[in-house]
Amino acid sequence: MGSPIGRLELVEAGGALVGIHFDAPADGSPQHERGGSPVLTQAHQQLAEYFAGTRRVFDLPLRPAGTEFQRRVWEVLATVPWGTTTTYGALA
């Protein structure tokens, strides 16, 4: 999908969003099977709303790949309210 920050490739597996790749090629890279799914449709719509300034909270099924530590950090990051900043120390 096109976005104000460049082309994004949305990746779904098993009914969950598993990746968003920045600077995705516009030529339909064969790295991932192209096609629609309910999750990809929702992700595209919610990202479009976010970039339009009408969405602040996402409610997509996510399944990011990472270590246990990375997943714990992402869970904490998800609790930071929209429009606020924090520090690494405060999150730790």
Protein backbone atom coordinates (compact mmCIF):
# COMPACT_ATOMS: atom_id res chain seq x y z
CA MET A 1 0.00 0.00 0.00
CA GLY A 2 1.11 3.55 -0.57
CA SER A 3 1.49 5.78 2.48
CA PRO A 4 2.93 9.17 3.45
CA ILE A 5 6.06 7.33 4.68
CA GLY A 6 6.56 5.27 1.53
CA ARG A 7 5.27 1.96 0.20
CA LEU A 8 4.30 -0.58 2.85
CA GLU A 9 3.98 -4.33 2.42
CA LEU A 10 1.50 -5.90 4.85
CA VAL A 11 2.10 -9.56 5.67
CA GLU A 12 -0.52 -11.90 7.14
CA ALA A 13 -0.18 -15.46 8.37
CA GLY A 14 -2.71 -17.61 10.17
CA GLY A 15 -5.26 -14.84 10.56
CA ALA A 16 -2.89 -12.29 12.12
CA LEU A 17 -0.72 -9.44 10.91
CA VAL A 18 2.87 -10.65 11.20
CA GLY A 19 4.77 -7.90 9.47
CA ILE A 20 4.84 -4.49 7.87
CA HIS A 21 7.81 -3.94 5.59
CA PHE A 22 8.87 -0.40 4.73
CA ASP A 23 10.08 0.67 1.28
CA ALA A 24 8.27 -2.26 -0.33
CA PRO A 25 8.84 -2.49 -4.08
CA ALA A 26 6.01 -1.20 -6.23
CA ASP A 27 6.45 -3.98 -8.80
CA GLY A 28 4.78 -6.76 -6.79
CA SER A 29 7.80 -8.45 -5.27
CA PRO A 30 7.39 -12.25 -5.31
CA GLN A 31 8.73 -12.55 -1.75
CA HIS A 32 5.21 -12.92 -0.37
CA GLU A 33 2.05 -14.20 -1.97
CA ARG A 34 -0.10 -11.29 -2.97
CA GLY A 35 -3.77 -11.34 -2.27
CA GLY A 36 -6.49 -10.21 0.05
CA SER A 37 -7.56 -11.49 3.40
CA PRO A 38 -9.82 -10.02 6.08
CA VAL A 39 -6.78 -9.15 8.22
CA LEU A 40 -4.98 -7.42 5.34
CA THR A 41 -8.13 -5.53 4.42
CA GLN A 42 -8.54 -4.35 8.03
CA ALA A 43 -4.86 -3.43 8.31
CA HIS A 44 -4.97 -1.42 5.08
CA GLN A 45 -8.12 0.41 6.21
CA GLN A 46 -6.84 1.14 9.72
CA LEU A 47 -3.47 2.38 8.44
CA ALA A 48 -5.21 4.62 5.90
CA GLU A 49 -7.37 6.06 8.70
CA TYR A 50 -4.29 6.58 10.87
CA PHE A 51 -2.45 8.44 8.12
CA ALA A 52 -5.60 10.52 7.49
CA GLY A 53 -5.59 11.52 11.18
CA THR A 54 -8.87 9.82 12.08
CA ARG A 55 -7.55 6.75 13.93
CA ARG A 56 -5.43 6.59 17.06
CA VAL A 57 -6.00 3.01 18.23
CA PHE A 58 -5.49 -0.17 16.21
CA ASP A 59 -7.44 -3.34 16.90
CA LEU A 60 -5.81 -5.87 14.61
CA PRO A 61 -4.81 -9.42 15.50
CA LEU A 62 -1.00 -9.29 15.72
CA ARG A 63 1.56 -12.06 15.90
CA PRO A 64 5.02 -10.48 15.66
CA ALA A 65 7.98 -12.83 15.50
CA GLY A 66 10.62 -12.18 18.12
CA THR A 67 12.29 -13.38 21.26
CA GLU A 68 10.41 -13.53 24.54
CA PHE A 69 12.20 -10.33 25.61
CA GLN A 70 11.24 -8.54 22.38
CA ARG A 71 7.60 -9.55 22.74
CA ARG A 72 7.54 -8.27 26.33
CA VAL A 73 9.01 -4.94 25.22
CA TRP A 74 6.43 -4.62 22.42
CA GLU A 75 3.62 -5.31 24.89
CA VAL A 76 4.87 -2.48 27.13
CA LEU A 77 5.30 -0.14 24.15
CA ALA A 78 1.70 -0.79 23.17
CA THR A 79 0.56 0.72 26.49
CA VAL A 80 2.10 4.14 25.72
CA PRO A 81 -0.87 6.40 24.90
CA TRP A 82 -1.12 8.01 21.48
CA GLY A 83 0.60 11.39 21.28
CA THR A 84 2.73 10.93 24.40
CA THR A 85 6.42 10.29 24.80
CA THR A 86 8.33 8.26 27.32
CA THR A 87 11.88 7.14 27.98
CA TYR A 88 13.63 3.80 27.87
CA GLY A 89 14.17 4.11 31.62
CA ALA A 90 10.47 4.64 32.31
CA LEU A 91 9.57 1.60 30.24
CA ALA A 92 12.18 -0.56 31.93
